[in-house]
Structures are given as C-alpha cells and as structure tokens.
N, C-alpha and C. Protein backbone atom coordinates (compact mmCIF):
# COMPACT_ATOMS: atom_id res chain seq x y z
N MET A 1 0.51 -97.66 57.01
CA MET A 1 -0.02 -99.01 57.73
C MET A 1 1.02 -100.06 57.26
N GLY A 2 1.59 -100.56 58.41
CA GLY A 2 2.61 -101.62 58.14
C GLY A 2 1.94 -103.13 58.40
N ILE A 3 2.74 -104.04 58.24
CA ILE A 3 2.26 -105.45 58.52
C ILE A 3 2.72 -105.55 60.06
N ASP A 4 1.82 -106.20 60.84
CA ASP A 4 2.07 -106.50 62.28
C ASP A 4 3.27 -107.43 62.41
N PRO A 5 4.24 -106.92 63.08
CA PRO A 5 5.55 -107.83 63.21
C PRO A 5 5.43 -108.90 64.23
N VAL A 6 4.37 -108.84 65.03
CA VAL A 6 4.22 -109.94 66.11
C VAL A 6 3.68 -111.16 65.65
N THR A 7 4.62 -112.09 65.37
CA THR A 7 4.15 -113.39 64.73
C THR A 7 4.70 -114.61 65.47
N ARG A 8 5.64 -114.37 66.31
CA ARG A 8 6.24 -115.47 67.17
C ARG A 8 5.50 -115.91 68.33
N ARG A 9 5.72 -117.08 68.73
CA ARG A 9 5.11 -117.54 69.98
C ARG A 9 6.25 -118.14 70.87
N ALA A 10 5.87 -118.05 72.18
CA ALA A 10 7.05 -118.49 73.17
C ALA A 10 6.56 -119.27 74.30
N VAL A 11 7.39 -120.10 74.79
CA VAL A 11 7.12 -120.60 76.16
C VAL A 11 8.03 -119.99 77.05
N PHE A 12 7.46 -119.27 78.03
CA PHE A 12 8.32 -118.63 79.16
C PHE A 12 8.26 -119.61 80.28
N LEU A 13 9.42 -119.72 80.84
CA LEU A 13 9.79 -120.73 81.88
C LEU A 13 10.33 -120.09 83.09
N ASP A 14 9.79 -120.35 84.26
CA ASP A 14 10.51 -120.11 85.53
C ASP A 14 11.69 -121.05 85.47
N ARG A 15 12.73 -120.63 86.20
CA ARG A 15 14.02 -121.38 86.31
C ARG A 15 14.03 -122.53 87.38
N ASP A 16 13.99 -122.08 88.62
CA ASP A 16 14.10 -123.04 89.70
C ASP A 16 12.91 -123.68 89.98
N GLY A 17 12.91 -125.03 89.95
CA GLY A 17 11.66 -125.90 90.15
C GLY A 17 10.98 -126.32 88.84
N VAL A 18 11.42 -125.69 87.70
CA VAL A 18 10.81 -126.07 86.42
C VAL A 18 11.98 -126.53 85.66
N ILE A 19 13.17 -126.04 85.49
CA ILE A 19 14.33 -126.41 84.75
C ILE A 19 15.29 -127.16 85.53
N ASN A 20 15.59 -126.49 86.58
CA ASN A 20 16.55 -127.20 87.61
C ASN A 20 15.83 -127.37 88.98
N ARG A 21 16.42 -128.32 89.62
CA ARG A 21 15.87 -128.66 90.97
C ARG A 21 16.03 -127.51 91.95
N ALA A 22 14.98 -127.04 92.59
CA ALA A 22 15.00 -125.96 93.58
C ALA A 22 15.36 -126.73 94.81
N VAL A 23 16.04 -125.95 95.80
CA VAL A 23 16.34 -126.43 97.23
C VAL A 23 15.16 -126.22 97.98
N ILE A 24 14.53 -127.16 98.61
CA ILE A 24 13.39 -127.07 99.47
C ILE A 24 13.78 -127.17 100.87
N VAL A 25 13.43 -126.02 101.57
CA VAL A 25 13.75 -125.99 103.02
C VAL A 25 12.44 -125.55 103.74
N ASP A 26 11.97 -126.57 104.70
CA ASP A 26 10.67 -126.40 105.34
C ASP A 26 9.52 -126.05 104.42
N GLY A 27 9.49 -126.77 103.32
CA GLY A 27 8.48 -126.72 102.39
C GLY A 27 8.50 -125.62 101.36
N LYS A 28 9.53 -124.59 101.51
CA LYS A 28 9.60 -123.55 100.77
C LYS A 28 10.80 -123.57 99.71
N PRO A 29 10.63 -123.23 98.35
CA PRO A 29 11.69 -123.34 97.39
C PRO A 29 12.69 -122.22 97.52
N PHE A 30 14.08 -122.73 97.24
CA PHE A 30 15.08 -121.65 97.15
C PHE A 30 15.93 -121.98 95.99
N PRO A 31 16.70 -121.06 95.45
CA PRO A 31 17.52 -121.28 94.25
C PRO A 31 18.73 -121.92 94.80
N PRO A 32 19.31 -122.87 93.84
CA PRO A 32 20.55 -123.58 94.24
C PRO A 32 21.70 -122.76 94.03
N GLY A 33 22.74 -123.09 94.66
CA GLY A 33 23.97 -122.42 94.34
C GLY A 33 24.64 -123.19 93.22
N PRO A 34 25.73 -122.72 92.65
CA PRO A 34 26.38 -123.25 91.44
C PRO A 34 26.77 -124.75 91.80
N ASP A 35 26.98 -125.14 93.09
CA ASP A 35 27.55 -126.52 93.46
C ASP A 35 26.36 -127.36 93.68
N GLN A 36 25.16 -126.89 93.58
CA GLN A 36 23.88 -127.77 93.88
C GLN A 36 23.10 -127.96 92.57
N LEU A 37 23.56 -127.65 91.40
CA LEU A 37 22.84 -127.62 90.28
C LEU A 37 22.53 -129.04 89.73
N GLU A 38 21.25 -129.23 89.33
CA GLU A 38 20.78 -130.51 88.73
C GLU A 38 19.55 -130.21 87.87
N LEU A 39 19.78 -130.50 86.65
CA LEU A 39 18.43 -130.34 85.73
C LEU A 39 17.53 -131.38 86.18
N LEU A 40 16.23 -131.09 86.10
CA LEU A 40 15.14 -131.84 86.46
C LEU A 40 15.12 -133.00 85.27
N PRO A 41 14.69 -134.12 85.49
CA PRO A 41 14.46 -135.21 84.53
C PRO A 41 13.61 -134.75 83.31
N GLY A 42 14.25 -134.97 82.04
CA GLY A 42 13.41 -134.77 80.77
C GLY A 42 13.44 -133.40 80.36
N VAL A 43 14.19 -132.41 81.02
CA VAL A 43 14.15 -130.98 80.69
C VAL A 43 14.61 -130.76 79.17
N PRO A 44 15.92 -131.26 79.02
CA PRO A 44 16.41 -130.97 77.61
C PRO A 44 15.41 -131.42 76.51
N GLU A 45 14.93 -132.73 76.67
CA GLU A 45 13.99 -133.29 75.71
C GLU A 45 12.65 -132.52 75.58
N ALA A 46 12.17 -132.06 76.56
CA ALA A 46 10.95 -131.32 76.51
C ALA A 46 11.15 -130.05 75.81
N LEU A 47 12.32 -129.37 76.19
CA LEU A 47 12.58 -127.91 75.64
C LEU A 47 12.88 -128.17 74.03
N PHE A 48 13.63 -129.25 73.63
CA PHE A 48 14.00 -129.48 72.31
C PHE A 48 12.64 -129.74 71.47
N LYS A 49 11.65 -130.41 72.17
CA LYS A 49 10.37 -130.67 71.48
C LYS A 49 9.63 -129.42 71.27
N LEU A 50 9.66 -128.59 72.29
CA LEU A 50 8.99 -127.29 72.00
C LEU A 50 9.59 -126.38 70.97
N ARG A 51 10.88 -126.39 70.94
CA ARG A 51 11.71 -125.57 70.00
C ARG A 51 11.37 -126.13 68.61
N ASN A 52 11.47 -127.51 68.39
CA ASN A 52 11.15 -128.04 67.10
C ASN A 52 9.74 -127.74 66.57
N HIS A 53 8.78 -127.36 67.52
CA HIS A 53 7.43 -126.90 67.02
C HIS A 53 7.37 -125.44 67.00
N GLY A 54 8.52 -124.65 66.97
CA GLY A 54 8.37 -123.39 66.65
C GLY A 54 8.37 -122.35 67.87
N PHE A 55 8.52 -122.80 69.09
CA PHE A 55 8.36 -121.99 70.25
C PHE A 55 9.73 -121.42 70.45
N LEU A 56 9.76 -120.09 70.82
CA LEU A 56 10.97 -119.55 71.46
C LEU A 56 10.93 -120.03 72.93
N LEU A 57 11.96 -120.03 73.53
CA LEU A 57 12.08 -120.57 74.93
C LEU A 57 12.85 -119.49 75.75
N ILE A 58 12.17 -118.89 76.79
CA ILE A 58 12.65 -117.83 77.40
C ILE A 58 12.39 -118.12 78.95
N VAL A 59 13.57 -118.05 79.67
CA VAL A 59 13.42 -118.15 81.08
C VAL A 59 13.12 -116.85 81.64
N VAL A 60 12.31 -116.79 82.61
CA VAL A 60 11.89 -115.62 83.47
C VAL A 60 12.01 -115.87 84.82
N THR A 61 13.00 -115.25 85.63
CA THR A 61 13.18 -115.89 86.90
C THR A 61 13.47 -114.58 87.92
N ASN A 62 12.76 -114.64 89.07
CA ASN A 62 12.97 -113.80 90.24
C ASN A 62 14.32 -114.33 90.96
N GLN A 63 15.16 -113.42 91.22
CA GLN A 63 16.23 -113.81 92.07
C GLN A 63 16.48 -112.61 93.19
N PRO A 64 15.50 -112.53 94.03
CA PRO A 64 15.46 -111.43 95.05
C PRO A 64 16.70 -111.46 96.14
N ASP A 65 17.40 -112.63 96.07
CA ASP A 65 18.62 -112.69 97.18
C ASP A 65 19.60 -111.84 96.74
N VAL A 66 19.65 -111.32 95.44
CA VAL A 66 20.61 -110.41 95.07
C VAL A 66 20.36 -109.08 95.79
N ALA A 67 19.08 -108.64 95.65
CA ALA A 67 18.71 -107.36 96.44
C ALA A 67 18.81 -107.52 98.00
N ARG A 68 18.62 -108.69 98.47
CA ARG A 68 18.63 -108.94 99.90
C ARG A 68 20.16 -109.06 100.41
N GLY A 69 21.04 -109.23 99.46
CA GLY A 69 22.47 -109.23 99.84
C GLY A 69 22.94 -110.59 100.23
N THR A 70 22.15 -111.60 100.03
CA THR A 70 22.56 -113.00 100.40
C THR A 70 23.20 -113.78 99.23
N THR A 71 23.05 -113.24 98.09
CA THR A 71 23.60 -113.84 96.81
C THR A 71 24.21 -112.64 95.94
N GLU A 72 25.25 -113.09 95.32
CA GLU A 72 25.85 -112.12 94.34
C GLU A 72 25.29 -112.34 92.97
N ARG A 73 25.28 -111.24 92.17
CA ARG A 73 24.83 -111.32 90.75
C ARG A 73 25.62 -112.33 89.93
N THR A 74 26.90 -112.39 90.25
CA THR A 74 27.81 -113.25 89.57
C THR A 74 27.39 -114.74 89.80
N GLU A 75 26.78 -115.05 90.94
CA GLU A 75 26.42 -116.42 91.32
C GLU A 75 25.21 -116.80 90.36
N VAL A 76 24.24 -115.76 90.37
CA VAL A 76 23.02 -116.06 89.56
C VAL A 76 23.50 -116.22 88.11
N ASP A 77 24.41 -115.45 87.69
CA ASP A 77 24.74 -115.49 86.20
C ASP A 77 25.58 -116.80 85.96
N ALA A 78 26.41 -117.34 86.96
CA ALA A 78 26.98 -118.72 86.84
C ALA A 78 25.97 -119.79 86.68
N VAL A 79 24.83 -119.64 87.65
CA VAL A 79 23.77 -120.72 87.48
C VAL A 79 23.19 -120.64 86.10
N ASN A 80 22.88 -119.44 85.50
CA ASN A 80 22.27 -119.26 84.21
C ASN A 80 23.23 -119.81 83.13
N ARG A 81 24.46 -119.52 83.24
CA ARG A 81 25.44 -120.09 82.17
C ARG A 81 25.42 -121.57 82.24
N TRP A 82 25.34 -122.17 83.45
CA TRP A 82 25.43 -123.68 83.53
C TRP A 82 24.10 -124.18 82.77
N ILE A 83 22.93 -123.68 83.08
CA ILE A 83 21.73 -124.01 82.55
C ILE A 83 21.71 -123.85 81.00
N ARG A 84 22.15 -122.64 80.50
CA ARG A 84 22.34 -122.43 79.07
C ARG A 84 23.13 -123.37 78.31
N ASP A 85 24.24 -123.96 79.06
CA ASP A 85 25.08 -124.97 78.49
C ASP A 85 24.43 -126.28 78.23
N ARG A 86 23.25 -126.52 78.89
CA ARG A 86 22.58 -127.84 79.04
C ARG A 86 21.21 -127.71 78.47
N ALA A 87 20.69 -126.62 78.05
CA ALA A 87 19.26 -126.52 77.73
C ALA A 87 19.20 -125.54 76.46
N PRO A 88 18.39 -125.84 75.45
CA PRO A 88 18.27 -125.09 74.45
C PRO A 88 17.39 -123.74 74.58
N LEU A 89 17.88 -122.84 75.21
CA LEU A 89 17.12 -121.50 75.67
C LEU A 89 17.59 -120.44 74.61
N ASP A 90 16.51 -119.62 74.30
CA ASP A 90 16.85 -118.36 73.51
C ASP A 90 17.24 -117.16 74.34
N ASP A 91 16.75 -117.13 75.59
CA ASP A 91 16.96 -116.03 76.49
C ASP A 91 16.74 -116.40 77.83
N ILE A 92 17.39 -115.57 78.79
CA ILE A 92 17.16 -115.68 80.23
C ILE A 92 16.99 -114.24 80.65
N ARG A 93 15.88 -113.98 81.37
CA ARG A 93 15.53 -112.62 81.90
C ARG A 93 15.46 -112.89 83.45
N VAL A 94 16.24 -111.94 84.12
CA VAL A 94 16.27 -111.96 85.48
C VAL A 94 15.89 -110.78 86.19
N CYS A 95 15.05 -110.95 87.32
CA CYS A 95 14.73 -109.78 88.20
C CYS A 95 15.40 -109.95 89.49
N CYS A 96 16.30 -108.98 89.79
CA CYS A 96 17.06 -109.21 90.98
C CYS A 96 16.56 -108.26 92.17
N HIS A 97 15.25 -107.85 92.00
CA HIS A 97 14.72 -107.09 92.98
C HIS A 97 13.92 -107.76 94.07
N ASP A 98 13.64 -107.18 95.13
CA ASP A 98 12.82 -107.72 96.18
C ASP A 98 11.42 -107.00 95.95
N ASP A 99 10.33 -107.42 96.73
CA ASP A 99 9.14 -106.90 96.63
C ASP A 99 9.06 -105.40 97.06
N ARG A 100 9.89 -105.02 98.07
CA ARG A 100 9.90 -103.57 98.51
C ARG A 100 10.47 -102.63 97.36
N ASP A 101 11.08 -103.22 96.40
CA ASP A 101 11.54 -102.39 95.23
C ASP A 101 10.45 -101.87 94.39
N TYR A 102 9.26 -102.50 94.33
CA TYR A 102 8.08 -102.16 93.47
C TYR A 102 8.52 -101.92 92.07
N CYS A 103 9.30 -102.83 91.54
CA CYS A 103 9.70 -102.80 90.18
C CYS A 103 8.54 -103.50 89.25
N ALA A 104 8.65 -103.32 87.85
CA ALA A 104 7.65 -103.88 87.08
C ALA A 104 8.16 -105.26 86.58
N CYS A 105 9.34 -105.77 86.92
CA CYS A 105 9.81 -106.99 86.40
C CYS A 105 9.66 -108.08 87.33
N ARG A 106 9.49 -107.80 88.65
CA ARG A 106 9.32 -108.82 89.68
C ARG A 106 7.91 -109.61 89.58
N LYS A 107 7.99 -110.91 89.18
CA LYS A 107 6.80 -111.64 89.16
C LYS A 107 6.10 -111.57 90.64
N PRO A 108 4.85 -111.44 90.75
CA PRO A 108 3.75 -111.62 89.83
C PRO A 108 3.58 -110.57 88.79
N LYS A 109 4.26 -109.37 88.75
CA LYS A 109 4.09 -108.53 87.67
C LYS A 109 4.65 -109.00 86.36
N PRO A 110 4.07 -108.66 85.33
CA PRO A 110 4.39 -109.37 84.04
C PRO A 110 5.60 -108.54 83.17
N GLY A 111 6.30 -107.66 83.83
CA GLY A 111 7.25 -106.93 83.11
C GLY A 111 8.38 -107.72 82.38
N LEU A 112 8.93 -108.82 82.89
CA LEU A 112 9.79 -109.68 82.30
C LEU A 112 9.21 -110.25 80.93
N LEU A 113 7.99 -110.74 81.02
CA LEU A 113 7.42 -111.30 79.89
C LEU A 113 7.05 -110.23 78.84
N LEU A 114 6.64 -109.07 79.19
CA LEU A 114 6.26 -108.02 78.43
C LEU A 114 7.50 -107.36 77.57
N ASP A 115 8.62 -107.32 78.31
CA ASP A 115 9.85 -106.92 77.74
C ASP A 115 10.36 -107.90 76.70
N ALA A 116 10.32 -109.09 77.05
CA ALA A 116 10.80 -110.17 76.13
C ALA A 116 9.87 -110.17 75.02
N ALA A 117 8.55 -110.11 75.10
CA ALA A 117 7.59 -109.99 74.08
C ALA A 117 7.94 -108.94 73.01
N ARG A 118 8.32 -107.70 73.62
CA ARG A 118 8.63 -106.56 72.75
C ARG A 118 9.90 -106.90 72.00
N ASP A 119 10.92 -107.32 72.71
CA ASP A 119 12.26 -107.51 72.22
C ASP A 119 12.27 -108.57 71.05
N TRP A 120 11.57 -109.76 71.24
CA TRP A 120 11.52 -110.88 70.36
C TRP A 120 10.30 -110.93 69.47
N SER A 121 9.43 -109.82 69.41
CA SER A 121 8.24 -109.91 68.74
C SER A 121 7.25 -111.09 68.80
N ILE A 122 6.98 -111.32 70.09
CA ILE A 122 6.16 -112.37 70.49
C ILE A 122 4.70 -112.00 70.66
N ASP A 123 3.85 -112.89 70.18
CA ASP A 123 2.38 -112.72 70.32
C ASP A 123 2.15 -113.49 71.67
N LEU A 124 1.77 -112.71 72.61
CA LEU A 124 1.49 -113.24 73.92
C LEU A 124 0.25 -114.18 74.07
N ASP A 125 -0.70 -113.85 73.21
CA ASP A 125 -1.92 -114.69 73.10
C ASP A 125 -1.64 -116.05 72.68
N LEU A 126 -0.65 -116.27 71.89
CA LEU A 126 -0.13 -117.63 71.41
C LEU A 126 0.92 -118.28 72.33
N SER A 127 1.17 -117.65 73.48
CA SER A 127 2.33 -118.08 74.20
C SER A 127 1.84 -118.62 75.60
N PHE A 128 2.87 -119.20 76.23
CA PHE A 128 2.58 -119.94 77.63
C PHE A 128 3.64 -119.61 78.64
N MET A 129 3.13 -119.52 79.91
CA MET A 129 4.07 -119.42 80.95
C MET A 129 4.08 -120.67 81.91
N ILE A 130 5.20 -121.31 82.07
CA ILE A 130 5.27 -122.40 82.97
C ILE A 130 6.01 -122.06 84.31
N GLY A 131 5.39 -122.39 85.31
CA GLY A 131 6.10 -122.00 86.55
C GLY A 131 5.63 -123.09 87.69
N ASP A 132 6.39 -122.95 88.83
CA ASP A 132 6.04 -123.84 89.90
C ASP A 132 5.48 -123.12 91.16
N ARG A 133 5.24 -121.80 91.01
CA ARG A 133 4.78 -120.97 92.09
C ARG A 133 3.61 -119.99 91.64
N TRP A 134 2.78 -119.53 92.48
CA TRP A 134 1.60 -118.63 92.13
C TRP A 134 2.19 -117.57 91.33
N ARG A 135 3.26 -116.81 91.68
CA ARG A 135 3.89 -115.62 91.15
C ARG A 135 4.06 -115.86 89.67
N ASP A 136 4.45 -116.91 89.23
CA ASP A 136 4.74 -117.36 87.94
C ASP A 136 3.38 -117.39 87.06
N ILE A 137 2.29 -118.06 87.70
CA ILE A 137 1.06 -118.19 87.06
C ILE A 137 0.38 -116.76 86.90
N GLU A 138 0.44 -116.07 87.97
CA GLU A 138 -0.06 -114.77 87.95
C GLU A 138 0.66 -113.76 86.87
N ALA A 139 1.95 -113.89 86.76
CA ALA A 139 2.63 -113.09 85.78
C ALA A 139 2.27 -113.38 84.38
N GLY A 140 2.19 -114.74 84.17
CA GLY A 140 1.62 -115.27 82.93
C GLY A 140 0.31 -114.75 82.42
N ARG A 141 -0.64 -114.89 83.55
CA ARG A 141 -2.07 -114.51 83.31
C ARG A 141 -2.14 -113.01 82.88
N ARG A 142 -1.31 -112.13 83.81
CA ARG A 142 -1.36 -110.69 83.47
C ARG A 142 -0.67 -110.32 82.16
N ALA A 143 0.13 -111.22 81.65
CA ALA A 143 0.82 -110.91 80.34
C ALA A 143 -0.12 -111.30 79.26
N GLY A 144 -1.11 -112.20 79.51
CA GLY A 144 -2.03 -112.69 78.48
C GLY A 144 -1.74 -114.01 77.89
N CYS A 145 -0.78 -114.67 78.67
CA CYS A 145 -0.50 -116.12 78.22
C CYS A 145 -1.34 -117.10 78.78
N ARG A 146 -1.39 -118.41 78.28
CA ARG A 146 -1.94 -119.55 78.97
C ARG A 146 -0.83 -119.93 79.86
N THR A 147 -1.33 -120.63 81.07
CA THR A 147 -0.36 -120.87 82.08
C THR A 147 -0.41 -122.45 82.49
N VAL A 148 0.73 -122.80 82.88
CA VAL A 148 0.97 -124.25 83.41
C VAL A 148 1.72 -124.18 84.77
N LEU A 149 1.14 -124.86 85.80
CA LEU A 149 1.79 -125.00 87.04
C LEU A 149 2.42 -126.45 87.11
N VAL A 150 3.63 -126.46 87.25
CA VAL A 150 4.49 -127.64 87.43
C VAL A 150 4.58 -127.88 88.90
N ASP A 151 4.39 -129.09 89.32
CA ASP A 151 4.44 -129.41 90.78
C ASP A 151 5.97 -129.25 91.18
N GLY A 152 6.23 -128.30 91.96
CA GLY A 152 7.65 -128.06 92.43
C GLY A 152 8.08 -128.89 93.70
N GLY A 153 7.12 -129.57 94.23
CA GLY A 153 7.41 -130.41 95.54
C GLY A 153 7.53 -129.56 96.69
N HIS A 154 6.87 -128.43 96.68
CA HIS A 154 6.91 -127.61 97.93
C HIS A 154 5.47 -127.36 98.39
N SER A 155 5.37 -126.76 99.60
CA SER A 155 3.94 -126.63 100.14
C SER A 155 3.38 -125.14 100.01
N GLU A 156 3.90 -124.45 99.16
CA GLU A 156 3.36 -122.97 99.09
C GLU A 156 2.09 -123.09 98.39
N PRO A 157 0.92 -122.37 98.87
CA PRO A 157 -0.27 -122.43 98.20
C PRO A 157 -0.23 -121.77 96.95
N VAL A 158 -1.28 -121.96 96.10
CA VAL A 158 -1.39 -121.49 94.82
C VAL A 158 -2.76 -120.90 94.61
N PRO A 159 -3.00 -119.55 95.01
CA PRO A 159 -4.29 -118.98 95.00
C PRO A 159 -4.78 -118.69 93.56
N VAL A 160 -3.91 -118.73 92.56
CA VAL A 160 -4.26 -118.45 91.18
C VAL A 160 -4.30 -119.68 90.37
N ALA A 161 -5.44 -119.83 89.69
CA ALA A 161 -5.72 -121.10 89.10
C ALA A 161 -5.04 -121.06 87.62
N PRO A 162 -4.24 -122.05 87.41
CA PRO A 162 -3.51 -122.15 86.14
C PRO A 162 -4.51 -122.77 85.05
N ASP A 163 -4.06 -122.63 83.84
CA ASP A 163 -4.79 -123.34 82.82
C ASP A 163 -4.58 -124.78 82.83
N TYR A 164 -3.59 -125.28 83.39
CA TYR A 164 -3.14 -126.74 83.35
C TYR A 164 -2.25 -126.89 84.60
N ARG A 165 -2.23 -128.06 85.17
CA ARG A 165 -1.28 -128.56 86.06
C ARG A 165 -0.54 -129.90 85.61
N ALA A 166 0.68 -129.81 85.83
CA ALA A 166 1.51 -131.05 85.27
C ALA A 166 2.54 -131.35 86.33
N PRO A 167 2.95 -132.62 86.36
CA PRO A 167 3.82 -133.08 87.42
C PRO A 167 5.37 -132.87 86.88
N SER A 168 5.40 -132.44 85.64
CA SER A 168 6.87 -132.16 85.19
C SER A 168 6.73 -131.30 83.84
N LEU A 169 7.85 -130.85 83.44
CA LEU A 169 7.96 -130.04 82.38
C LEU A 169 7.66 -130.79 81.04
N GLN A 170 8.09 -132.02 81.02
CA GLN A 170 7.77 -133.07 79.96
C GLN A 170 6.26 -132.98 79.77
N GLU A 171 5.48 -133.25 80.72
CA GLU A 171 4.06 -133.28 80.63
C GLU A 171 3.49 -131.93 80.29
N ALA A 172 4.05 -130.95 80.82
CA ALA A 172 3.60 -129.62 80.49
C ALA A 172 3.83 -129.30 78.93
N SER A 173 4.94 -129.68 78.39
CA SER A 173 5.23 -129.53 76.94
C SER A 173 4.28 -130.28 76.14
N ASP A 174 3.89 -131.56 76.52
CA ASP A 174 2.98 -132.31 75.79
C ASP A 174 1.68 -131.62 75.65
N TRP A 175 1.19 -131.11 76.80
CA TRP A 175 -0.07 -130.44 76.91
C TRP A 175 -0.09 -129.18 75.94
N ILE A 176 1.01 -128.32 76.03
CA ILE A 176 1.20 -127.19 75.25
C ILE A 176 1.15 -127.57 73.65
N LEU A 177 1.74 -128.59 73.34
CA LEU A 177 1.74 -128.92 71.93
C LEU A 177 0.41 -129.54 71.48
N GLU A 178 -0.33 -130.17 72.42
CA GLU A 178 -1.57 -130.58 72.17
C GLU A 178 -2.62 -129.43 71.89
N VAL A 179 -2.53 -128.51 72.81
CA VAL A 179 -3.47 -127.28 72.83
C VAL A 179 -3.05 -126.48 71.57
N SER A 180 -1.79 -126.35 71.26
CA SER A 180 -1.44 -125.47 70.22
C SER A 180 -1.77 -126.04 68.87
N ALA A 181 -1.86 -127.41 68.72
CA ALA A 181 -2.17 -128.09 67.50
C ALA A 181 -3.74 -128.04 67.13
N SER A 182 -4.40 -127.87 68.30
CA SER A 182 -5.94 -127.91 68.15
C SER A 182 -6.52 -126.50 68.06
N GLY A 183 -5.67 -125.52 67.94
CA GLY A 183 -6.03 -124.19 67.69
C GLY A 183 -5.99 -123.28 68.95
C-alpha cells in the first residue's frame, strides 16, 4: 500500500475565447490565425494569480480544422507558442480530431483532462474547467471538475449548466480562489 500520489489541483482552460480572442463569424466562434492573435484583457494577471495559489494551468483545446484540412497543425502549434510566450501555462493539450473521428480527446469527451490528470498527478475533484462553449463545460463535468463558463461573445446555446458564469477569465479566477479558500 503506497501513498496516493494525486495531490495537485489544476485549472483547465479552453484556448479560443478564454485566453485569446476568438474570431466570431455569424455568432459562431472560430480560432484565430497567427496574424489575428490577441490575448483577452487581464489574462496574464488572472493566470499568475491562479498559479500563485498553487494551481497548475493546462490548456485543453479542440482544433478540428486540422482534421477538416482547413488548417495545418503547424499553424495550431504557432498559435500555441505565441500564447505560451505570453501566459504562464504548464501544458497545452490539443485534439485535432473532428466529431466523426469518435476519439476520446475531443471535448465534450473528457480525454484531454483525464490524460493531463494522469500525467500531472492532478486531483480532478479539486480542479476546475473554464470554457466559453458547452463542450468545455460538459468535458469538465464528465472529468469531475467544477466548471466555469466565460462569456465568449457568441450566440451558441449552452445546454449544460456550469457551476459558475463569468464575463472574463479574471472574474472566473476570483471565483475559483474564493471557492477553493472556503473548502
């Protein structure tokens, strides 16, 4: 009998619409290209605050345009490098599949979160998922995390109820720290 190694807690974050500005077309969010990148206001500060309170920061992002052939993986990697240069992230996990691939990593399935939890020894019951779409909230719920929906400025319905709704990552991080402090 050994000691349970799962002692860490994390904040899992969707990328587009939470960390960087998504491109909104007809009310639907799309990932930006490398020439369209812009961090959302307050993102580095919110992430540093979470990190300073002991949270691992892990991006989990669906990028199905790779499977659809409309984006190269190198472009996704370039966007991720740009973000990592500006934000204190521990890891970025990417699913490049489309729904028809039936993979375990494409949100709303929890595969990206479960794999990261295994690799980083994360206690999912003490962790949070922040996203701007229903797929993010459902993936977090399925993984056993508490969930926060950030208003991404698009018109997609959210049939899954998050634990909290926030207008920005800054407010989401404040709520996470408040909830974590109270047990």
